[in-house]
Amino acid sequence: MITEEKKKQAVLLLQKKAEEIGRIPKKDDFDDITVARIKAYLGPWPRALEYAGLKEAKEKPPQSKKRKSKSQRLKGLKNLEKKRNKEKAKKQGE
């Protein structure tokens, strides 16, 4: 279990590095073990930077339409097939 103390240490590491280098730190600014610890305590790198207050969270894009169920998709395909067959029969009848 991740303790609050470990999260605070990870945040301080990020904030200290940002102050030291004068920009938002990149993973390359730390050794591999430190990066792994920060990510283990705070999540993926962008979320870790957000958690440390170094980066604003992006707005989530609006949810797209919910995916149709398999039966709805099959029904749509059947309707499309019927429509095409009618058009095909109409062309042949001309």
Protein backbone atom coordinates (compact mmCIF):
# COMPACT_ATOMS: atom_id res chain seq x y z
CA MET A 1 0.00 0.00 0.00
CA ILE A 2 1.28 3.46 -0.89
CA THR A 3 1.49 5.75 2.10
CA GLU A 4 0.79 9.44 2.04
CA GLU A 5 4.39 10.02 3.12
CA LYS A 6 5.71 8.31 -0.02
CA LYS A 7 3.36 10.36 -2.19
CA LYS A 8 4.58 13.55 -0.49
CA GLN A 9 8.20 12.54 -1.10
CA ALA A 10 7.48 11.95 -4.79
CA VAL A 11 5.73 15.31 -5.06
CA LEU A 12 8.66 17.05 -3.37
CA LEU A 13 11.12 15.36 -5.74
CA LEU A 14 9.16 16.63 -8.74
CA GLN A 15 8.72 20.14 -7.34
CA LYS A 16 12.39 20.41 -6.31
CA LYS A 17 13.56 19.30 -9.75
CA ALA A 18 11.20 21.78 -11.45
CA GLU A 19 12.60 24.60 -9.33
CA GLU A 20 16.16 23.44 -9.98
CA ILE A 21 15.86 23.26 -13.78
CA GLY A 22 13.29 26.02 -14.27
CA ARG A 23 10.76 23.94 -16.20
CA ILE A 24 8.45 20.96 -15.88
CA PRO A 25 10.67 17.95 -15.31
CA LYS A 26 10.83 15.13 -17.82
CA LYS A 27 11.44 11.49 -17.01
CA ASP A 28 14.93 11.89 -18.48
CA ASP A 29 15.72 14.38 -15.70
CA PHE A 30 15.68 11.51 -13.18
CA ASP A 31 17.38 8.15 -12.94
CA ASP A 32 15.29 5.08 -13.84
CA ILE A 33 14.70 4.01 -10.23
CA THR A 34 13.42 7.44 -9.22
CA VAL A 35 11.09 7.58 -12.24
CA ALA A 36 9.75 4.12 -11.36
CA ARG A 37 9.09 5.19 -7.76
CA ILE A 38 7.37 8.42 -8.76
CA LYS A 39 5.13 6.55 -11.18
CA ALA A 40 4.43 3.83 -8.62
CA TYR A 41 3.35 6.40 -6.04
CA LEU A 42 1.58 8.94 -8.27
CA GLY A 43 0.58 7.09 -11.43
CA PRO A 44 1.54 7.77 -15.07
CA TRP A 45 3.95 10.65 -15.62
CA PRO A 46 1.35 13.23 -16.75
CA ARG A 47 -0.84 12.42 -13.72
CA ALA A 48 2.19 12.64 -11.43
CA LEU A 49 2.97 16.12 -12.75
CA GLU A 50 -0.65 17.13 -12.24
CA TYR A 51 -0.66 15.70 -8.71
CA ALA A 52 2.48 17.71 -7.92
CA GLY A 53 0.79 20.87 -9.20
CA LEU A 54 3.27 21.31 -12.05
CA LYS A 55 0.85 20.75 -14.89
CA GLU A 56 -2.83 21.50 -15.34
CA ALA A 57 -5.10 18.56 -15.92
CA LYS A 58 -6.44 18.38 -19.46
CA GLU A 59 -10.14 18.58 -19.91
CA LYS A 60 -11.57 15.26 -20.88
CA PRO A 61 -13.07 15.28 -24.37
CA PRO A 62 -16.83 14.89 -24.47
CA GLN A 63 -17.97 11.31 -24.43
CA SER A 64 -18.73 9.96 -27.85
CA LYS A 65 -21.94 8.14 -28.53
CA LYS A 66 -22.25 4.89 -26.72
CA ARG A 67 -21.35 1.91 -28.86
CA LYS A 68 -24.35 0.03 -30.17
CA SER A 69 -24.97 -3.48 -28.95
CA LYS A 70 -24.28 -6.42 -31.21
CA SER A 71 -27.99 -6.95 -31.84
CA GLN A 72 -28.43 -3.28 -32.79
CA ARG A 73 -25.51 -3.48 -35.22
CA LEU A 74 -26.90 -6.68 -36.78
CA LYS A 75 -30.33 -5.09 -37.13
CA GLY A 76 -28.73 -2.09 -38.84
CA LEU A 77 -26.85 -4.36 -41.24
CA LYS A 78 -30.05 -6.27 -42.07
CA ASN A 79 -31.89 -3.03 -42.76
CA LEU A 80 -29.04 -1.83 -44.97
CA GLU A 81 -29.07 -5.14 -46.85
CA LYS A 82 -32.84 -4.88 -47.40
CA LYS A 83 -32.48 -1.33 -48.67
CA ARG A 84 -29.72 -2.34 -51.10
CA ASN A 85 -31.72 -5.32 -52.33
CA LYS A 86 -34.73 -3.06 -52.99
CA GLU A 87 -32.53 -0.59 -54.90
CA LYS A 88 -30.97 -3.44 -56.86
CA ALA A 89 -34.41 -4.88 -57.73
CA LYS A 90 -35.63 -1.45 -58.76
CA LYS A 91 -32.64 -0.97 -61.10
CA GLN A 92 -33.20 -4.38 -62.65
CA GLY A 93 -36.88 -3.61 -63.18
CA GLU A 94 -36.12 -0.46 -65.14
